[in-house]
Amino acid sequence: MMAPLATPDLDEQVDVGEQTAADRPWQTVVWDDPVNLMSYVTHVFREYFGYPKPRAHALMLEVHNHGHAVVAEGPREQMELHTRAMHDYGLWATVRKAPE
């Protein structure tokens, strides 16, 4: 005979910090490289993400001046697709969990 299944106590407190960490979005980060021209990086951001020219240019300058830029944020699967697309364009990109 099997023991009855235990049911969770509905009055138990849930650690909201753990839920928040699990629900944090992910980011696609593009890194500076010695190969691609700044105009090309701007073009990629406009073509792939559909960013207007000023936004694409600002992101490109962030990559150039700071070594990297977060170009998208959202669910992990979508960020992995964006990262793969950046690789297809010849850009260096990674996925990371958004900071708290």
Protein backbone atom coordinates (compact mmCIF):
# COMPACT_ATOMS: atom_id res chain seq x y z
CA MET A 1 0.00 0.00 0.00
CA MET A 2 1.36 3.40 -0.97
CA ALA A 3 1.64 6.28 1.43
CA PRO A 4 -0.62 9.22 0.68
CA LEU A 5 1.00 12.07 -1.25
CA ALA A 6 1.88 15.08 0.81
CA THR A 7 0.30 18.29 -0.34
CA PRO A 8 2.03 21.61 0.15
CA ASP A 9 0.84 23.80 2.96
CA LEU A 10 -0.92 26.72 1.29
CA ASP A 11 0.11 28.98 4.15
CA GLU A 12 3.82 28.44 3.44
CA GLN A 13 5.67 31.57 2.45
CA VAL A 14 7.29 31.56 -0.96
CA ASP A 15 10.74 33.12 -1.31
CA VAL A 16 9.98 35.94 -3.74
CA GLY A 17 13.71 36.53 -4.34
CA GLU A 18 14.07 33.11 -5.91
CA GLN A 19 11.07 33.64 -8.15
CA THR A 20 12.38 37.03 -9.26
CA ALA A 21 15.80 35.58 -10.11
CA ALA A 22 14.20 32.78 -12.10
CA ASP A 23 11.99 35.24 -13.97
CA ARG A 24 14.81 37.64 -14.84
CA PRO A 25 15.12 38.22 -18.57
CA TRP A 26 18.12 37.27 -20.68
CA GLN A 27 20.21 39.55 -22.86
CA THR A 28 21.91 39.38 -26.22
CA VAL A 29 25.27 41.11 -25.97
CA VAL A 30 27.30 42.14 -29.02
CA TRP A 31 31.06 42.48 -28.48
CA ASP A 32 33.61 44.67 -30.21
CA ASP A 33 35.79 42.92 -32.75
CA PRO A 34 38.71 43.98 -34.93
CA VAL A 35 37.04 42.92 -38.18
CA ASN A 36 33.68 44.60 -38.76
CA LEU A 37 33.31 48.24 -39.77
CA MET A 38 31.18 50.49 -37.59
CA SER A 39 28.89 51.19 -40.55
CA TYR A 40 28.33 47.46 -41.01
CA VAL A 41 27.47 46.95 -37.33
CA THR A 42 24.96 49.80 -37.56
CA HIS A 43 23.53 48.23 -40.72
CA VAL A 44 23.10 44.86 -38.97
CA PHE A 45 21.29 46.43 -36.01
CA ARG A 46 18.95 48.28 -38.39
CA GLU A 47 18.31 45.33 -40.69
CA TYR A 48 17.94 42.54 -38.14
CA PHE A 49 16.39 44.31 -35.14
CA GLY A 50 14.64 47.04 -37.12
CA TYR A 51 16.15 49.76 -34.95
CA PRO A 52 15.91 53.30 -36.28
CA LYS A 53 19.24 54.76 -37.44
CA PRO A 54 19.89 56.84 -34.26
CA ARG A 55 19.33 53.81 -31.97
CA ALA A 56 21.42 51.49 -34.15
CA HIS A 57 24.21 54.07 -34.30
CA ALA A 58 24.14 54.58 -30.51
CA LEU A 59 24.38 50.82 -29.91
CA MET A 60 27.25 50.55 -32.38
CA LEU A 61 29.10 53.36 -30.54
CA GLU A 62 28.54 51.56 -27.25
CA VAL A 63 30.08 48.42 -28.75
CA HIS A 64 32.99 50.43 -30.15
CA ASN A 65 33.67 52.62 -27.10
CA HIS A 66 32.82 50.24 -24.24
CA GLY A 67 33.60 46.89 -25.83
CA HIS A 68 30.04 45.58 -25.82
CA ALA A 69 26.36 46.53 -25.83
CA VAL A 70 23.12 44.85 -24.84
CA VAL A 71 21.13 44.84 -28.07
CA ALA A 72 18.07 42.87 -26.92
CA GLU A 73 16.48 41.58 -23.73
CA GLY A 74 13.79 38.94 -23.22
CA PRO A 75 13.22 35.20 -22.94
CA ARG A 76 16.29 33.00 -23.19
CA GLU A 77 15.18 31.17 -26.34
CA GLN A 78 14.64 34.44 -28.21
CA MET A 79 18.02 35.79 -27.07
CA GLU A 80 19.69 32.60 -28.30
CA LEU A 81 18.07 33.13 -31.71
CA HIS A 82 19.30 36.73 -31.79
CA THR A 83 22.80 35.62 -30.84
CA ARG A 84 22.82 33.00 -33.58
CA ALA A 85 21.66 35.64 -36.07
CA MET A 86 24.46 37.98 -34.99
CA HIS A 87 26.93 35.14 -35.61
CA ASP A 88 25.41 34.65 -39.06
CA TYR A 89 26.14 38.32 -39.75
CA GLY A 90 29.72 37.80 -38.59
CA LEU A 91 29.39 39.66 -35.28
CA TRP A 92 30.60 38.40 -31.93
CA ALA A 93 27.64 37.92 -29.58
CA THR A 94 26.72 36.05 -26.41
CA VAL A 95 23.68 35.41 -24.23
CA ARG A 96 23.64 36.26 -20.54
CA LYS A 97 21.13 36.57 -17.75
CA ALA A 98 20.12 40.17 -17.09
CA PRO A 99 21.63 41.59 -13.90
CA GLU A 100 19.33 42.07 -10.92
